[in-house]
Amino acid sequence: MADAFAFDEVIRALLPALDNSGQGLSDPSAKQVQERLAQDEPNLWNWPALRVLGCNFDSISRQDRASVLDYLQAANAGIDPKLKFKIEHSGVALLIAYCLEGLQRAAARH
């Protein structure tokens, strides 16, 4: 599992999307994010739907991206975001919620 620092980096990369989504740009839906994470190779880090919102994951190492992606895919398969996080619409909010859950688990290991 990724360490807390890796989750923190991904959350920081997602934050610009929250600002930009209020400026006429819409973030991907929670359903779109769930469908993308369910793919064998979701290519989340270069997804145009996130890039257009200002998300840039280039500074995150490949190893950290792979570890975080493994966790996101496992979380997506095992957590019902509507029940756990009350997230039904915003895909960026869903990704941040998954990362916060991962960060909490990673911090608890230490």
N, C-alpha and C. Protein backbone atom coordinates (compact mmCIF):
# COMPACT_ATOMS: atom_id res chain seq x y z
N MET A 1 0.83 -1.18 0.00
CA MET A 1 0.00 0.00 0.00
C MET A 1 0.87 1.24 0.00
N ALA A 2 0.40 2.27 -0.64
CA ALA A 2 1.14 3.53 -0.72
C ALA A 2 1.31 4.13 0.67
N ASP A 3 2.35 4.95 0.81
CA ASP A 3 2.53 5.62 2.09
C ASP A 3 1.70 6.91 2.12
N ALA A 4 1.62 7.51 3.29
CA ALA A 4 0.80 8.71 3.48
C ALA A 4 1.25 9.84 2.57
N PHE A 5 2.56 9.96 2.35
CA PHE A 5 3.08 11.03 1.50
C PHE A 5 2.54 10.91 0.07
N ALA A 6 2.44 9.70 -0.45
CA ALA A 6 1.95 9.50 -1.82
C ALA A 6 0.48 9.93 -1.93
N PHE A 7 -0.33 9.57 -0.94
CA PHE A 7 -1.73 9.99 -0.96
C PHE A 7 -1.84 11.51 -0.87
N ASP A 8 -0.99 12.11 -0.03
CA ASP A 8 -0.99 13.57 0.12
C ASP A 8 -0.66 14.24 -1.21
N GLU A 9 0.32 13.70 -1.92
CA GLU A 9 0.69 14.27 -3.22
C GLU A 9 -0.47 14.21 -4.22
N VAL A 10 -1.18 13.09 -4.24
CA VAL A 10 -2.30 12.94 -5.16
C VAL A 10 -3.42 13.92 -4.79
N ILE A 11 -3.69 14.05 -3.50
CA ILE A 11 -4.72 15.00 -3.07
C ILE A 11 -4.35 16.41 -3.51
N ARG A 12 -3.10 16.79 -3.32
CA ARG A 12 -2.65 18.13 -3.74
C ARG A 12 -2.81 18.33 -5.24
N ALA A 13 -2.57 17.28 -6.00
CA ALA A 13 -2.71 17.37 -7.46
C ALA A 13 -4.17 17.50 -7.87
N LEU A 14 -5.08 16.97 -7.06
CA LEU A 14 -6.52 17.03 -7.37
C LEU A 14 -7.16 18.35 -6.95
N LEU A 15 -6.57 19.06 -6.00
CA LEU A 15 -7.19 20.28 -5.47
C LEU A 15 -7.48 21.35 -6.51
N PRO A 16 -6.63 21.58 -7.52
CA PRO A 16 -6.98 22.60 -8.52
C PRO A 16 -8.32 22.32 -9.22
N ALA A 17 -8.67 21.07 -9.32
CA ALA A 17 -9.94 20.72 -9.99
C ALA A 17 -11.13 21.27 -9.22
N LEU A 18 -11.01 21.36 -7.90
CA LEU A 18 -12.11 21.91 -7.11
C LEU A 18 -12.31 23.39 -7.42
N ASP A 19 -11.22 24.12 -7.58
CA ASP A 19 -11.31 25.54 -7.94
C ASP A 19 -11.84 25.72 -9.35
N ASN A 20 -11.33 24.95 -10.28
CA ASN A 20 -11.68 25.11 -11.68
C ASN A 20 -13.07 24.61 -12.03
N SER A 21 -13.59 23.67 -11.26
CA SER A 21 -14.92 23.16 -11.57
C SER A 21 -15.98 24.22 -11.32
N GLY A 22 -15.68 25.20 -10.49
CA GLY A 22 -16.62 26.29 -10.25
C GLY A 22 -16.55 27.38 -11.30
N GLN A 23 -15.66 27.25 -12.26
CA GLN A 23 -15.47 28.27 -13.29
C GLN A 23 -15.97 27.79 -14.64
N GLY A 24 -17.03 27.05 -14.63
CA GLY A 24 -17.64 26.60 -15.88
C GLY A 24 -17.13 25.27 -16.39
N LEU A 25 -16.07 24.76 -15.80
CA LEU A 25 -15.56 23.45 -16.18
C LEU A 25 -16.18 22.42 -15.24
N SER A 26 -16.62 21.31 -15.78
CA SER A 26 -17.22 20.31 -14.90
C SER A 26 -16.29 19.13 -14.74
N ASP A 27 -16.23 18.65 -13.51
CA ASP A 27 -15.39 17.49 -13.26
C ASP A 27 -16.13 16.23 -13.67
N PRO A 28 -15.40 15.14 -13.86
CA PRO A 28 -16.07 13.89 -14.22
C PRO A 28 -17.00 13.46 -13.09
N SER A 29 -18.04 12.76 -13.45
CA SER A 29 -19.00 12.30 -12.44
C SER A 29 -18.38 11.18 -11.61
N ALA A 30 -18.98 10.95 -10.45
CA ALA A 30 -18.54 9.83 -9.61
C ALA A 30 -18.66 8.52 -10.38
N LYS A 31 -19.71 8.39 -11.15
CA LYS A 31 -19.90 7.17 -11.94
C LYS A 31 -18.79 7.00 -12.97
N GLN A 32 -18.39 8.10 -13.64
CA GLN A 32 -17.29 8.02 -14.61
C GLN A 32 -15.99 7.60 -13.93
N VAL A 33 -15.74 8.13 -12.74
CA VAL A 33 -14.52 7.76 -12.01
C VAL A 33 -14.58 6.28 -11.62
N GLN A 34 -15.72 5.84 -11.13
CA GLN A 34 -15.86 4.43 -10.76
C GLN A 34 -15.65 3.52 -11.97
N GLU A 35 -16.21 3.90 -13.11
CA GLU A 35 -16.04 3.09 -14.32
C GLU A 35 -14.58 3.08 -14.76
N ARG A 36 -13.91 4.23 -14.67
CA ARG A 36 -12.50 4.29 -15.07
C ARG A 36 -11.65 3.43 -14.14
N LEU A 37 -11.89 3.51 -12.84
CA LEU A 37 -11.11 2.71 -11.89
C LEU A 37 -11.37 1.22 -12.04
N ALA A 38 -12.51 0.86 -12.58
CA ALA A 38 -12.84 -0.56 -12.77
C ALA A 38 -12.12 -1.16 -13.98
N GLN A 39 -11.52 -0.32 -14.83
CA GLN A 39 -10.79 -0.81 -15.99
C GLN A 39 -9.49 -1.47 -15.55
N ASP A 40 -8.98 -2.38 -16.38
CA ASP A 40 -7.71 -3.04 -16.06
C ASP A 40 -6.55 -2.04 -16.02
N GLU A 41 -6.53 -1.11 -16.96
CA GLU A 41 -5.51 -0.07 -16.99
C GLU A 41 -6.19 1.28 -17.14
N PRO A 42 -6.60 1.90 -16.02
CA PRO A 42 -7.43 3.09 -16.09
C PRO A 42 -6.74 4.36 -16.57
N ASN A 43 -5.40 4.41 -16.58
CA ASN A 43 -4.68 5.59 -17.02
C ASN A 43 -5.25 6.87 -16.40
N LEU A 44 -5.48 6.83 -15.12
CA LEU A 44 -6.05 7.95 -14.39
C LEU A 44 -5.18 9.20 -14.44
N TRP A 45 -3.87 9.00 -14.45
CA TRP A 45 -2.94 10.12 -14.31
C TRP A 45 -2.86 10.98 -15.56
N ASN A 46 -3.28 10.48 -16.70
CA ASN A 46 -3.28 11.28 -17.93
C ASN A 46 -4.70 11.48 -18.48
N TRP A 47 -5.68 11.25 -17.68
CA TRP A 47 -7.07 11.35 -18.09
C TRP A 47 -7.40 12.80 -18.43
N PRO A 48 -7.78 13.07 -19.67
CA PRO A 48 -8.09 14.46 -20.06
C PRO A 48 -9.16 15.12 -19.19
N ALA A 49 -10.10 14.35 -18.67
CA ALA A 49 -11.16 14.92 -17.83
C ALA A 49 -10.58 15.57 -16.56
N LEU A 50 -9.44 15.07 -16.08
CA LEU A 50 -8.78 15.67 -14.92
C LEU A 50 -7.75 16.71 -15.33
N ARG A 51 -7.05 16.45 -16.42
CA ARG A 51 -6.02 17.39 -16.89
C ARG A 51 -6.62 18.75 -17.23
N VAL A 52 -7.80 18.76 -17.87
CA VAL A 52 -8.43 20.02 -18.26
C VAL A 52 -8.81 20.86 -17.03
N LEU A 53 -8.97 20.21 -15.89
CA LEU A 53 -9.30 20.91 -14.65
C LEU A 53 -8.06 21.38 -13.90
N GLY A 54 -6.88 21.14 -14.46
CA GLY A 54 -5.64 21.60 -13.84
C GLY A 54 -4.93 20.57 -12.99
N CYS A 55 -5.39 19.34 -13.00
CA CYS A 55 -4.71 18.29 -12.23
C CYS A 55 -3.44 17.86 -12.96
N ASN A 56 -2.33 17.88 -12.25
CA ASN A 56 -1.07 17.50 -12.85
C ASN A 56 -0.36 16.54 -11.89
N PHE A 57 -0.21 15.32 -12.33
CA PHE A 57 0.37 14.27 -11.49
C PHE A 57 1.82 13.98 -11.87
N ASP A 58 2.41 14.80 -12.74
CA ASP A 58 3.75 14.52 -13.27
C ASP A 58 4.84 14.49 -12.20
N SER A 59 4.67 15.24 -11.13
CA SER A 59 5.72 15.29 -10.10
C SER A 59 5.68 14.08 -9.16
N ILE A 60 4.66 13.25 -9.29
CA ILE A 60 4.52 12.08 -8.43
C ILE A 60 5.24 10.91 -9.10
N SER A 61 6.06 10.23 -8.35
CA SER A 61 6.85 9.13 -8.93
C SER A 61 5.94 8.04 -9.48
N ARG A 62 6.46 7.30 -10.45
CA ARG A 62 5.69 6.19 -11.03
C ARG A 62 5.32 5.17 -9.96
N GLN A 63 6.24 4.90 -9.07
CA GLN A 63 5.99 3.93 -8.01
C GLN A 63 4.85 4.39 -7.11
N ASP A 64 4.87 5.66 -6.72
CA ASP A 64 3.79 6.18 -5.87
C ASP A 64 2.46 6.20 -6.61
N ARG A 65 2.49 6.58 -7.90
CA ARG A 65 1.25 6.57 -8.68
C ARG A 65 0.69 5.15 -8.78
N ALA A 66 1.56 4.18 -8.99
CA ALA A 66 1.12 2.79 -9.10
C ALA A 66 0.53 2.30 -7.78
N SER A 67 1.19 2.64 -6.67
CA SER A 67 0.70 2.22 -5.35
C SER A 67 -0.65 2.86 -5.02
N VAL A 68 -0.78 4.15 -5.30
CA VAL A 68 -2.04 4.84 -5.03
C VAL A 68 -3.13 4.29 -5.94
N LEU A 69 -2.81 4.06 -7.20
CA LEU A 69 -3.80 3.52 -8.13
C LEU A 69 -4.28 2.14 -7.68
N ASP A 70 -3.37 1.30 -7.20
CA ASP A 70 -3.77 -0.01 -6.67
C ASP A 70 -4.78 0.16 -5.54
N TYR A 71 -4.50 1.10 -4.64
CA TYR A 71 -5.43 1.33 -3.53
C TYR A 71 -6.76 1.88 -4.04
N LEU A 72 -6.72 2.84 -4.97
CA LEU A 72 -7.95 3.42 -5.49
C LEU A 72 -8.83 2.36 -6.15
N GLN A 73 -8.19 1.46 -6.90
CA GLN A 73 -8.96 0.40 -7.56
C GLN A 73 -9.56 -0.56 -6.53
N ALA A 74 -8.80 -0.89 -5.49
CA ALA A 74 -9.32 -1.76 -4.44
C ALA A 74 -10.45 -1.07 -3.69
N ALA A 75 -10.28 0.20 -3.38
CA ALA A 75 -11.32 0.95 -2.69
C ALA A 75 -12.57 1.03 -3.55
N ASN A 76 -12.38 1.27 -4.82
CA ASN A 76 -13.52 1.37 -5.75
C ASN A 76 -14.29 0.05 -5.80
N ALA A 77 -13.57 -1.05 -5.72
CA ALA A 77 -14.22 -2.36 -5.78
C ALA A 77 -14.89 -2.74 -4.47
N GLY A 78 -14.42 -2.16 -3.35
CA GLY A 78 -14.91 -2.61 -2.06
C GLY A 78 -15.70 -1.63 -1.23
N ILE A 79 -15.76 -0.38 -1.66
CA ILE A 79 -16.45 0.65 -0.88
C ILE A 79 -17.59 1.22 -1.70
N ASP A 80 -18.77 1.29 -1.11
CA ASP A 80 -19.89 1.96 -1.77
C ASP A 80 -19.83 3.43 -1.37
N PRO A 81 -19.39 4.31 -2.28
CA PRO A 81 -19.18 5.71 -1.92
C PRO A 81 -20.46 6.42 -1.48
N LYS A 82 -21.60 5.96 -1.95
CA LYS A 82 -22.85 6.59 -1.52
C LYS A 82 -23.10 6.32 -0.04
N LEU A 83 -22.76 5.12 0.42
CA LEU A 83 -22.97 4.78 1.82
C LEU A 83 -21.85 5.31 2.70
N LYS A 84 -20.61 5.18 2.24
CA LYS A 84 -19.45 5.53 3.06
C LYS A 84 -19.19 7.04 3.09
N PHE A 85 -19.27 7.69 1.93
CA PHE A 85 -18.87 9.09 1.85
C PHE A 85 -20.00 10.04 1.50
N LYS A 86 -21.16 9.52 1.16
CA LYS A 86 -22.31 10.34 0.72
C LYS A 86 -21.98 11.13 -0.55
N ILE A 87 -21.16 10.54 -1.41
CA ILE A 87 -20.78 11.18 -2.67
C ILE A 87 -21.51 10.49 -3.80
N GLU A 88 -22.28 11.28 -4.52
CA GLU A 88 -23.03 10.72 -5.64
C GLU A 88 -22.68 11.37 -6.97
N HIS A 89 -22.12 12.58 -6.95
CA HIS A 89 -21.97 13.32 -8.20
C HIS A 89 -20.51 13.61 -8.59
N SER A 90 -19.76 14.25 -7.75
CA SER A 90 -18.43 14.73 -8.13
C SER A 90 -17.38 13.62 -8.11
N GLY A 91 -16.79 13.38 -9.28
CA GLY A 91 -15.73 12.39 -9.37
C GLY A 91 -14.46 12.82 -8.66
N VAL A 92 -14.16 14.12 -8.70
CA VAL A 92 -12.97 14.63 -8.00
C VAL A 92 -13.15 14.46 -6.49
N ALA A 93 -14.33 14.77 -5.99
CA ALA A 93 -14.60 14.59 -4.55
C ALA A 93 -14.46 13.12 -4.17
N LEU A 94 -14.90 12.23 -5.05
CA LEU A 94 -14.78 10.80 -4.78
C LEU A 94 -13.31 10.38 -4.71
N LEU A 95 -12.50 10.84 -5.66
CA LEU A 95 -11.08 10.50 -5.64
C LEU A 95 -10.41 11.04 -4.38
N ILE A 96 -10.75 12.26 -3.98
CA ILE A 96 -10.17 12.84 -2.77
C ILE A 96 -10.61 12.03 -1.55
N ALA A 97 -11.87 11.62 -1.51
CA ALA A 97 -12.35 10.81 -0.38
C ALA A 97 -11.60 9.48 -0.31
N TYR A 98 -11.43 8.82 -1.45
CA TYR A 98 -10.67 7.57 -1.46
C TYR A 98 -9.24 7.80 -0.97
N CYS A 99 -8.61 8.90 -1.42
CA CYS A 99 -7.24 9.19 -1.00
C CYS A 99 -7.16 9.51 0.48
N LEU A 100 -8.14 10.23 1.01
CA LEU A 100 -8.15 10.51 2.45
C LEU A 100 -8.29 9.23 3.26
N GLU A 101 -9.11 8.32 2.77
CA GLU A 101 -9.25 7.01 3.42
C GLU A 101 -7.91 6.27 3.38
N GLY A 102 -7.24 6.30 2.23
CA GLY A 102 -5.94 5.65 2.11
C GLY A 102 -4.89 6.30 2.98
N LEU A 103 -4.90 7.62 3.05
CA LEU A 103 -3.96 8.35 3.89
C LEU A 103 -4.16 7.97 5.36
N GLN A 104 -5.41 7.89 5.77
CA GLN A 104 -5.72 7.51 7.15
C GLN A 104 -5.21 6.09 7.44
N ARG A 105 -5.42 5.17 6.53
CA ARG A 105 -4.95 3.79 6.74
C ARG A 105 -3.43 3.73 6.76
N ALA A 106 -2.78 4.48 5.85
CA ALA A 106 -1.32 4.48 5.80
C ALA A 106 -0.74 5.07 7.09
N ALA A 107 -1.35 6.14 7.59
CA ALA A 107 -0.85 6.77 8.82
C ALA A 107 -1.06 5.84 10.02
N ALA A 108 -2.13 5.08 10.02
CA ALA A 108 -2.42 4.17 11.13
C ALA A 108 -1.42 3.01 11.20
N ARG A 109 -0.78 2.71 10.07
CA ARG A 109 0.20 1.62 10.06
C ARG A 109 1.47 1.99 10.81
N HIS A 110 1.71 3.29 10.96
CA HIS A 110 2.97 3.73 11.59
C HIS A 110 2.79 4.01 13.03
